[in-house]
Every structure is written in structure tokens, then in C-alpha cells.
All heavy atoms as atom14 arrays in JSON, in Angstrom:
{
  "sequence": "AMGWYRQAPGKQRELVARVTNGDSTYYADSVK",
  "atom14_mask": [
    [1, 1, 1, 1, 1, 0, 0, 0, 0, 0, 0, 0, 0, 0],
    [1, 1, 1, 1, 1, 1, 1, 1, 0, 0, 0, 0, 0, 0],
    [1, 1, 1, 1, 0, 0, 0, 0, 0, 0, 0, 0, 0, 0],
    [1, 1, 1, 1, 1, 1, 1, 1, 1, 1, 1, 1, 1, 1],
    [1, 1, 1, 1, 1, 1, 1, 1, 1, 1, 1, 1, 0, 0],
    [1, 1, 1, 1, 1, 1, 1, 1, 1, 1, 1, 0, 0, 0],
    [1, 1, 1, 1, 1, 1, 1, 1, 1, 0, 0, 0, 0, 0],
    [1, 1, 1, 1, 1, 0, 0, 0, 0, 0, 0, 0, 0, 0],
    [1, 1, 1, 1, 1, 1, 1, 0, 0, 0, 0, 0, 0, 0],
    [1, 1, 1, 1, 0, 0, 0, 0, 0, 0, 0, 0, 0, 0],
    [1, 1, 1, 1, 1, 1, 1, 1, 1, 0, 0, 0, 0, 0],
    [1, 1, 1, 1, 1, 1, 1, 1, 1, 0, 0, 0, 0, 0],
    [1, 1, 1, 1, 1, 1, 1, 1, 1, 1, 1, 0, 0, 0],
    [1, 1, 1, 1, 1, 1, 1, 1, 1, 0, 0, 0, 0, 0],
    [1, 1, 1, 1, 1, 1, 1, 1, 0, 0, 0, 0, 0, 0],
    [1, 1, 1, 1, 1, 1, 1, 0, 0, 0, 0, 0, 0, 0],
    [1, 1, 1, 1, 1, 0, 0, 0, 0, 0, 0, 0, 0, 0],
    [1, 1, 1, 1, 1, 1, 1, 1, 1, 1, 1, 0, 0, 0],
    [1, 1, 1, 1, 1, 1, 1, 0, 0, 0, 0, 0, 0, 0],
    [1, 1, 1, 1, 1, 1, 1, 0, 0, 0, 0, 0, 0, 0],
    [1, 1, 1, 1, 1, 1, 1, 1, 0, 0, 0, 0, 0, 0],
    [1, 1, 1, 1, 0, 0, 0, 0, 0, 0, 0, 0, 0, 0],
    [1, 1, 1, 1, 1, 1, 1, 1, 0, 0, 0, 0, 0, 0],
    [1, 1, 1, 1, 1, 1, 0, 0, 0, 0, 0, 0, 0, 0],
    [1, 1, 1, 1, 1, 1, 1, 0, 0, 0, 0, 0, 0, 0],
    [1, 1, 1, 1, 1, 1, 1, 1, 1, 1, 1, 1, 0, 0],
    [1, 1, 1, 1, 1, 1, 1, 1, 1, 1, 1, 1, 0, 0],
    [1, 1, 1, 1, 1, 0, 0, 0, 0, 0, 0, 0, 0, 0],
    [1, 1, 1, 1, 1, 1, 1, 1, 0, 0, 0, 0, 0, 0],
    [1, 1, 1, 1, 1, 1, 0, 0, 0, 0, 0, 0, 0, 0],
    [1, 1, 1, 1, 1, 1, 1, 0, 0, 0, 0, 0, 0, 0],
    [1, 1, 1, 1, 1, 1, 1, 1, 1, 0, 0, 0, 0, 0]
  ],
  "atom14_positions": [
    [[-59.96, -41.49, -174.69], [-58.93, -40.53, -175.08], [-58.72, -40.58, -176.58], [-59.01, -41.6, -177.23], [-57.62, -40.83, -174.36], [0.0, 0.0, 0.0], [0.0, 0.0, 0.0], [0.0, 0.0, 0.0], [0.0, 0.0, 0.0], [0.0, 0.0, 0.0], [0.0, 0.0, 0.0], [0.0, 0.0, 0.0], [0.0, 0.0, 0.0], [0.0, 0.0, 0.0]],
    [[-58.23, -39.49, -177.13], [-57.79, -39.43, -178.51], [-56.45, -38.72, -178.55], [-56.12, -37.96, -177.61], [-58.8, -38.69, -179.39], [-60.16, -39.36, -179.46], [-61.27, -38.55, -180.63], [-60.56, -39.07, -182.21], [0.0, 0.0, 0.0], [0.0, 0.0, 0.0], [0.0, 0.0, 0.0], [0.0, 0.0, 0.0], [0.0, 0.0, 0.0], [0.0, 0.0, 0.0]],
    [[-55.7, -38.94, -179.59], [-54.41, -38.29, -179.65], [-53.74, -38.43, -181.0], [-54.34, -38.93, -181.97], [0.0, 0.0, 0.0], [0.0, 0.0, 0.0], [0.0, 0.0, 0.0], [0.0, 0.0, 0.0], [0.0, 0.0, 0.0], [0.0, 0.0, 0.0], [0.0, 0.0, 0.0], [0.0, 0.0, 0.0], [0.0, 0.0, 0.0], [0.0, 0.0, 0.0]],
    [[-52.5, -37.96, -181.04], [-51.69, -38.0, -182.25], [-50.32, -38.59, -181.93], [-49.67, -38.17, -180.97], [-51.51, -36.6, -182.83], [-52.78, -35.98, -183.29], [-53.63, -35.2, -182.57], [-53.35, -36.09, -184.6], [-54.69, -34.83, -183.34], [-54.54, -35.35, -184.6], [-52.95, -36.71, -185.78], [-55.36, -35.23, -185.72], [-53.75, -36.61, -186.9], [-54.94, -35.87, -186.86]],
    [[-49.92, -39.53, -182.74], [-48.56, -40.04, -182.75], [-47.9, -39.57, -184.03], [-48.58, -39.19, -184.99], [-48.54, -41.58, -182.73], [-48.56, -42.2, -181.36], [-49.75, -42.31, -180.64], [-47.41, -42.73, -180.8], [-49.77, -42.91, -179.39], [-47.42, -43.34, -179.54], [-48.61, -43.42, -178.85], [-48.63, -44.02, -177.62], [0.0, 0.0, 0.0], [0.0, 0.0, 0.0]],
    [[-46.58, -39.62, -184.06], [-45.86, -39.38, -185.3], [-44.67, -40.31, -185.4], [-44.14, -40.77, -184.39], [-45.4, -37.92, -185.42], [-44.3, -37.5, -184.45], [-44.01, -36.02, -184.61], [-42.98, -35.57, -183.67], [-42.62, -34.3, -183.53], [-43.22, -33.35, -184.24], [-41.68, -33.96, -182.67], [0.0, 0.0, 0.0], [0.0, 0.0, 0.0], [0.0, 0.0, 0.0]],
    [[-44.28, -40.56, -186.64], [-43.11, -41.4, -186.88], [-42.29, -40.8, -188.0], [-42.78, -40.68, -189.14], [-43.49, -42.84, -187.21], [-42.3, -43.78, -187.3], [-42.7, -45.23, -187.3], [-43.82, -45.59, -187.64], [-41.77, -46.1, -186.87], [0.0, 0.0, 0.0], [0.0, 0.0, 0.0], [0.0, 0.0, 0.0], [0.0, 0.0, 0.0], [0.0, 0.0, 0.0]],
    [[-41.08, -40.41, -187.66], [-40.15, -39.87, -188.65], [-39.32, -41.02, -189.22], [-39.16, -42.06, -188.57], [-39.25, -38.83, -188.0], [0.0, 0.0, 0.0], [0.0, 0.0, 0.0], [0.0, 0.0, 0.0], [0.0, 0.0, 0.0], [0.0, 0.0, 0.0], [0.0, 0.0, 0.0], [0.0, 0.0, 0.0], [0.0, 0.0, 0.0], [0.0, 0.0, 0.0]],
    [[-38.77, -40.84, -190.41], [-37.96, -41.9, -191.02], [-36.82, -42.33, -190.1], [-36.07, -41.5, -189.59], [-37.43, -41.24, -192.29], [-38.43, -40.2, -192.62], [-38.92, -39.68, -191.3], [0.0, 0.0, 0.0], [0.0, 0.0, 0.0], [0.0, 0.0, 0.0], [0.0, 0.0, 0.0], [0.0, 0.0, 0.0], [0.0, 0.0, 0.0], [0.0, 0.0, 0.0]],
    [[-36.7, -43.63, -189.88], [-35.63, -44.16, -189.06], [-35.79, -43.97, -187.57], [-34.87, -44.29, -186.8], [0.0, 0.0, 0.0], [0.0, 0.0, 0.0], [0.0, 0.0, 0.0], [0.0, 0.0, 0.0], [0.0, 0.0, 0.0], [0.0, 0.0, 0.0], [0.0, 0.0, 0.0], [0.0, 0.0, 0.0], [0.0, 0.0, 0.0], [0.0, 0.0, 0.0]],
    [[-36.95, -43.47, -187.15], [-37.16, -43.22, -185.71], [-38.37, -43.99, -185.22], [-39.23, -44.42, -186.0], [-37.35, -41.73, -185.45], [-36.12, -40.89, -185.73], [-36.31, -39.47, -185.24], [-35.05, -38.64, -185.44], [-35.22, -37.25, -184.94], [0.0, 0.0, 0.0], [0.0, 0.0, 0.0], [0.0, 0.0, 0.0], [0.0, 0.0, 0.0], [0.0, 0.0, 0.0]],
    [[-38.44, -44.14, -183.9], [-39.58, -44.81, -183.31], [-40.8, -43.9, -183.31], [-40.68, -42.67, -183.31], [-39.26, -45.23, -181.87], [-38.27, -46.38, -181.76], [-38.16, -46.91, -180.35], [-38.35, -46.18, -179.38], [-37.87, -48.2, -180.22], [0.0, 0.0, 0.0], [0.0, 0.0, 0.0], [0.0, 0.0, 0.0], [0.0, 0.0, 0.0], [0.0, 0.0, 0.0]],
    [[-41.97, -44.52, -183.31], [-43.2, -43.75, -183.21], [-43.27, -43.11, -181.83], [-42.94, -43.74, -180.82], [-44.38, -44.69, -183.44], [-45.67, -44.03, -183.78], [-46.71, -45.04, -184.21], [-46.42, -45.61, -185.52], [-47.26, -46.4, -186.18], [-48.42, -46.73, -185.64], [-46.93, -46.86, -187.36], [0.0, 0.0, 0.0], [0.0, 0.0, 0.0], [0.0, 0.0, 0.0]],
    [[-43.7, -41.84, -181.78], [-43.77, -41.13, -180.51], [-45.12, -40.45, -180.34], [-45.72, -39.99, -181.31], [-42.64, -40.08, -180.39], [-42.73, -38.95, -181.38], [-41.77, -37.8, -181.08], [-41.3, -37.69, -179.92], [-41.52, -37.0, -182.0], [0.0, 0.0, 0.0], [0.0, 0.0, 0.0], [0.0, 0.0, 0.0], [0.0, 0.0, 0.0], [0.0, 0.0, 0.0]],
    [[-45.56, -40.38, -179.09], [-46.8, -39.67, -178.78], [-46.54, -38.18, -178.81], [-45.65, -37.68, -178.12], [-47.3, -40.1, -177.4], [-48.58, -39.4, -176.9], [-49.77, -39.72, -177.83], [-48.89, -39.81, -175.48], [0.0, 0.0, 0.0], [0.0, 0.0, 0.0], [0.0, 0.0, 0.0], [0.0, 0.0, 0.0], [0.0, 0.0, 0.0], [0.0, 0.0, 0.0]],
    [[-47.32, -37.46, -179.59], [-47.16, -36.02, -179.74], [-48.1, -35.27, -178.79], [-47.69, -34.35, -178.1], [-47.45, -35.6, -181.19], [-47.42, -34.09, -181.34], [-46.46, -36.25, -182.15], [0.0, 0.0, 0.0], [0.0, 0.0, 0.0], [0.0, 0.0, 0.0], [0.0, 0.0, 0.0], [0.0, 0.0, 0.0], [0.0, 0.0, 0.0], [0.0, 0.0, 0.0]],
    [[-49.37, -35.66, -178.8], [-50.37, -34.98, -177.98], [-51.54, -35.92, -177.73], [-51.81, -36.81, -178.55], [-50.85, -33.7, -178.65], [0.0, 0.0, 0.0], [0.0, 0.0, 0.0], [0.0, 0.0, 0.0], [0.0, 0.0, 0.0], [0.0, 0.0, 0.0], [0.0, 0.0, 0.0], [0.0, 0.0, 0.0], [0.0, 0.0, 0.0], [0.0, 0.0, 0.0]],
    [[-52.23, -35.69, -176.61], [-53.36, -36.53, -176.28], [-54.38, -35.7, -175.51], [-54.01, -34.79, -174.75], [-52.89, -37.7, -175.39], [-53.98, -38.7, -175.02], [-53.66, -39.36, -173.7], [-53.66, -38.4, -172.62], [-52.75, -38.36, -171.65], [-51.75, -39.22, -171.64], [-52.82, -37.46, -170.7], [0.0, 0.0, 0.0], [0.0, 0.0, 0.0], [0.0, 0.0, 0.0]],
    [[-55.66, -35.98, -175.72], [-56.72, -35.32, -174.96], [-57.68, -36.4, -174.46], [-58.05, -37.3, -175.21], [-57.45, -34.26, -175.81], [-58.06, -34.85, -177.07], [-58.51, -33.53, -174.98], [0.0, 0.0, 0.0], [0.0, 0.0, 0.0], [0.0, 0.0, 0.0], [0.0, 0.0, 0.0], [0.0, 0.0, 0.0], [0.0, 0.0, 0.0], [0.0, 0.0, 0.0]],
    [[-58.04, -36.31, -173.19], [-58.96, -37.3, -172.62], [-60.41, -36.81, -172.75], [-60.65, -35.66, -173.13], [-58.66, -37.55, -171.14], [-58.99, -36.36, -170.41], [-57.19, -37.89, -170.92], [0.0, 0.0, 0.0], [0.0, 0.0, 0.0], [0.0, 0.0, 0.0], [0.0, 0.0, 0.0], [0.0, 0.0, 0.0], [0.0, 0.0, 0.0], [0.0, 0.0, 0.0]],
    [[-61.34, -37.67, -172.4], [-62.74, -37.24, -172.48], [-63.08, -36.25, -171.39], [-64.15, -35.65, -171.41], [-63.69, -38.44, -172.48], [-63.58, -39.28, -171.22], [-62.8, -38.97, -170.33], [-64.33, -40.36, -171.17], [0.0, 0.0, 0.0], [0.0, 0.0, 0.0], [0.0, 0.0, 0.0], [0.0, 0.0, 0.0], [0.0, 0.0, 0.0], [0.0, 0.0, 0.0]],
    [[-62.15, -36.05, -170.44], [-62.3, -34.99, -169.45], [-61.55, -33.74, -169.84], [-61.39, -32.82, -169.03], [0.0, 0.0, 0.0], [0.0, 0.0, 0.0], [0.0, 0.0, 0.0], [0.0, 0.0, 0.0], [0.0, 0.0, 0.0], [0.0, 0.0, 0.0], [0.0, 0.0, 0.0], [0.0, 0.0, 0.0], [0.0, 0.0, 0.0], [0.0, 0.0, 0.0]],
    [[-61.07, -33.72, -171.09], [-60.34, -32.58, -171.65], [-58.98, -32.33, -171.0], [-58.44, -31.21, -171.06], [-61.17, -31.29, -171.63], [-62.3, -31.32, -172.64], [-62.1, -31.92, -173.72], [-63.36, -30.77, -172.35], [0.0, 0.0, 0.0], [0.0, 0.0, 0.0], [0.0, 0.0, 0.0], [0.0, 0.0, 0.0], [0.0, 0.0, 0.0], [0.0, 0.0, 0.0]],
    [[-58.44, -33.35, -170.37], [-57.07, -33.25, -169.89], [-56.13, -33.48, -171.07], [-56.34, -34.39, -171.88], [-56.81, -34.32, -168.83], [-55.46, -34.35, -168.45], [0.0, 0.0, 0.0], [0.0, 0.0, 0.0], [0.0, 0.0, 0.0], [0.0, 0.0, 0.0], [0.0, 0.0, 0.0], [0.0, 0.0, 0.0], [0.0, 0.0, 0.0], [0.0, 0.0, 0.0]],
    [[-55.11, -32.63, -171.19], [-54.22, -32.72, -172.35], [-52.79, -33.07, -171.93], [-52.35, -32.79, -170.81], [-54.19, -31.42, -173.15], [-53.8, -30.34, -172.27], [-55.55, -31.11, -173.74], [0.0, 0.0, 0.0], [0.0, 0.0, 0.0], [0.0, 0.0, 0.0], [0.0, 0.0, 0.0], [0.0, 0.0, 0.0], [0.0, 0.0, 0.0], [0.0, 0.0, 0.0]],
    [[-52.09, -33.66, -172.87], [-50.67, -33.98, -172.73], [-49.99, -33.57, -174.03], [-50.54, -33.76, -175.11], [-50.46, -35.47, -172.49], [-49.05, -35.93, -172.79], [-48.05, -35.85, -171.82], [-48.69, -36.39, -174.06], [-46.76, -36.23, -172.1], [-47.4, -36.77, -174.35], [-46.44, -36.69, -173.37], [-45.15, -37.06, -173.65], [0.0, 0.0, 0.0], [0.0, 0.0, 0.0]],
    [[-48.78, -33.01, -173.89], [-47.96, -32.67, -175.06], [-46.54, -33.17, -174.83], [-46.0, -33.05, -173.72], [-47.93, -31.16, -175.29], [-49.25, -30.56, -175.67], [-50.06, -29.98, -174.71], [-49.69, -30.58, -176.99], [-51.28, -29.43, -175.04], [-50.92, -30.02, -177.33], [-51.71, -29.46, -176.35], [-52.92, -28.9, -176.69], [0.0, 0.0, 0.0], [0.0, 0.0, 0.0]],
    [[-45.94, -33.68, -175.87], [-44.52, -34.0, -175.8], [-43.73, -32.7, -175.62], [-44.14, -31.64, -176.11], [-44.08, -34.7, -177.08], [0.0, 0.0, 0.0], [0.0, 0.0, 0.0], [0.0, 0.0, 0.0], [0.0, 0.0, 0.0], [0.0, 0.0, 0.0], [0.0, 0.0, 0.0], [0.0, 0.0, 0.0], [0.0, 0.0, 0.0], [0.0, 0.0, 0.0]],
    [[-42.63, -32.79, -174.92], [-41.82, -31.58, -174.67], [-41.42, -30.89, -175.97], [-41.34, -29.67, -176.03], [-40.57, -31.96, -173.87], [-40.87, -32.28, -172.42], [-41.96, -31.9, -171.94], [-40.02, -32.91, -171.78], [0.0, 0.0, 0.0], [0.0, 0.0, 0.0], [0.0, 0.0, 0.0], [0.0, 0.0, 0.0], [0.0, 0.0, 0.0], [0.0, 0.0, 0.0]],
    [[-41.2, -31.67, -177.0], [-40.71, -31.12, -178.27], [-41.75, -30.26, -178.98], [-41.4, -29.49, -179.89], [-40.27, -32.26, -179.19], [-41.33, -33.16, -179.42], [0.0, 0.0, 0.0], [0.0, 0.0, 0.0], [0.0, 0.0, 0.0], [0.0, 0.0, 0.0], [0.0, 0.0, 0.0], [0.0, 0.0, 0.0], [0.0, 0.0, 0.0], [0.0, 0.0, 0.0]],
    [[-43.03, -30.35, -178.58], [-44.07, -29.59, -179.28], [-44.81, -28.64, -178.35], [-45.67, -27.87, -178.81], [-45.08, -30.53, -179.97], [-44.36, -31.52, -180.88], [-45.97, -31.25, -178.97], [0.0, 0.0, 0.0], [0.0, 0.0, 0.0], [0.0, 0.0, 0.0], [0.0, 0.0, 0.0], [0.0, 0.0, 0.0], [0.0, 0.0, 0.0], [0.0, 0.0, 0.0]],
    [[-44.5, -28.64, -177.07], [-45.19, -27.76, -176.12], [-45.05, -26.31, -176.54], [-43.96, -25.86, -176.9], [-44.62, -27.94, -174.71], [-45.19, -29.11, -173.94], [-44.6, -29.18, -172.55], [-45.11, -30.42, -171.82], [-44.47, -30.56, -170.49], [0.0, 0.0, 0.0], [0.0, 0.0, 0.0], [0.0, 0.0, 0.0], [0.0, 0.0, 0.0], [0.0, 0.0, 0.0]]
  ]
}
């Protein structure tokens, strides 16, 4: 799998999006 995390100042790192080698995707609700 590959993906993107982000970290804003003063906040915890969060998973934004992810794609597996089978092309299954995940998105955080905030970016869907």
C-alpha cells in the first residue's frame, strides 16, 4: 500500500488517503 498522511501545527498526524496494490482506496471523511 501507499498513502498520504498530514500533520497540522499542534495536531496529531492523520491518514488522509491510501491506495493498496489492488487499487482499493481509502479517504478520510474530511477530504472525501
